[in-house]
Amino acid sequence: MAKERLVGSYLIRFTQSNGTQRVHVQDLRTREVLEFETWVAAWAFVDEAVHADAACDDTRS
């Protein structure tokens, strides 16, 4: 069973198959999908990306 969460423009999908957890992060703007071994690594990536996007938005103001 998959669980999903939307954070900024990223969709984080948690799945489990054959006892192995998989974490996929999809950038909804570019449709790029990245796979991570742990949710901690995925969250670190998304947190960095969201903060980088916010910094870019601040410089445009």
C-alpha atoms as a PDB file:
ATOM      1  CA  MET A   1       0.000   0.000   0.000  1.00  0.00           C
ATOM      2  CA  ALA A   2       1.335   3.417  -0.945  1.00  0.00           C
ATOM      3  CA  LYS A   3       1.131   6.554   1.148  1.00  0.00           C
ATOM      4  CA  GLU A   4       1.627   9.950  -0.423  1.00  0.00           C
ATOM      5  CA  ARG A   5       2.280  13.472   0.836  1.00  0.00           C
ATOM      6  CA  LEU A   6       2.508  16.745  -1.067  1.00  0.00           C
ATOM      7  CA  VAL A   7       5.235  19.172   0.052  1.00  0.00           C
ATOM      8  CA  GLY A   8       5.632  22.312  -2.005  1.00  0.00           C
ATOM      9  CA  SER A   9       5.767  21.101  -5.589  1.00  0.00           C
ATOM     10  CA  TYR A  10       7.048  17.654  -4.596  1.00  0.00           C
ATOM     11  CA  LEU A  11       5.015  14.480  -4.242  1.00  0.00           C
ATOM     12  CA  ILE A  12       6.570  12.021  -1.797  1.00  0.00           C
ATOM     13  CA  ARG A  13       5.405   8.433  -2.227  1.00  0.00           C
ATOM     14  CA  PHE A  14       6.159   5.707   0.309  1.00  0.00           C
ATOM     15  CA  THR A  15       5.741   2.093  -0.831  1.00  0.00           C
ATOM     16  CA  GLN A  16       6.694  -1.292   0.511  1.00  0.00           C
ATOM     17  CA  SER A  17       7.450  -4.290  -1.674  1.00  0.00           C
ATOM     18  CA  ASN A  18       8.839  -7.642  -0.543  1.00  0.00           C
ATOM     19  CA  GLY A  19       9.645  -6.153   2.854  1.00  0.00           C
ATOM     20  CA  THR A  20      11.660  -3.312   1.335  1.00  0.00           C
ATOM     21  CA  GLN A  21      10.524   0.269   1.822  1.00  0.00           C
ATOM     22  CA  ARG A  22      10.931   2.608  -1.128  1.00  0.00           C
ATOM     23  CA  VAL A  23      10.632   6.372  -1.125  1.00  0.00           C
ATOM     24  CA  HIS A  24      10.035   8.194  -4.416  1.00  0.00           C
ATOM     25  CA  VAL A  25      10.071  11.963  -4.739  1.00  0.00           C
ATOM     26  CA  GLN A  26       8.500  13.476  -7.849  1.00  0.00           C
ATOM     27  CA  ASP A  27       9.017  17.089  -8.839  1.00  0.00           C
ATOM     28  CA  LEU A  28       5.572  18.012 -10.155  1.00  0.00           C
ATOM     29  CA  ARG A  29       6.969  20.869 -12.249  1.00  0.00           C
ATOM     30  CA  THR A  30       9.515  18.788 -14.188  1.00  0.00           C
ATOM     31  CA  ARG A  31       7.979  15.330 -13.576  1.00  0.00           C
ATOM     32  CA  GLU A  32      11.432  14.048 -12.549  1.00  0.00           C
ATOM     33  CA  VAL A  33      11.274  11.116 -10.114  1.00  0.00           C
ATOM     34  CA  LEU A  34      14.056  10.332  -7.652  1.00  0.00           C
ATOM     35  CA  GLU A  35      14.274   7.221  -5.466  1.00  0.00           C
ATOM     36  CA  PHE A  36      15.700   7.260  -1.939  1.00  0.00           C
ATOM     37  CA  GLU A  37      16.565   4.427   0.419  1.00  0.00           C
ATOM     38  CA  THR A  38      15.144   6.153   3.493  1.00  0.00           C
ATOM     39  CA  TRP A  39      12.480   8.744   4.226  1.00  0.00           C
ATOM     40  CA  VAL A  40      15.130  10.779   6.073  1.00  0.00           C
ATOM     41  CA  ALA A  41      17.207  11.153   2.891  1.00  0.00           C
ATOM     42  CA  ALA A  42      14.092  12.018   0.879  1.00  0.00           C
ATOM     43  CA  TRP A  43      12.979  14.595   3.431  1.00  0.00           C
ATOM     44  CA  ALA A  44      16.456  16.182   3.496  1.00  0.00           C
ATOM     45  CA  PHE A  45      16.337  16.541  -0.296  1.00  0.00           C
ATOM     46  CA  VAL A  46      12.832  18.051  -0.294  1.00  0.00           C
ATOM     47  CA  ASP A  47      13.639  20.390   2.606  1.00  0.00           C
ATOM     48  CA  GLU A  48      16.718  21.679   0.776  1.00  0.00           C
ATOM     49  CA  ALA A  49      14.803  22.077  -2.491  1.00  0.00           C
ATOM     50  CA  VAL A  50      11.877  23.900  -0.864  1.00  0.00           C
ATOM     51  CA  HIS A  51      14.230  26.286   0.945  1.00  0.00           C
ATOM     52  CA  ALA A  52      16.184  26.900  -2.265  1.00  0.00           C
ATOM     53  CA  ASP A  53      12.921  27.695  -4.074  1.00  0.00           C
ATOM     54  CA  ALA A  54      11.932  30.092  -1.287  1.00  0.00           C
ATOM     55  CA  ALA A  55      15.327  31.826  -1.504  1.00  0.00           C
ATOM     56  CA  CYS A  56      14.870  32.266  -5.269  1.00  0.00           C
ATOM     57  CA  ASP A  57      11.416  33.737  -4.684  1.00  0.00           C
ATOM     58  CA  ASP A  58      12.881  36.192  -2.138  1.00  0.00           C
ATOM     59  CA  THR A  59      15.457  37.462  -4.630  1.00  0.00           C
ATOM     60  CA  ARG A  60      12.757  38.066  -7.269  1.00  0.00           C
ATOM     61  CA  SER A  61      10.868  40.487  -4.990  1.00  0.00           C
END
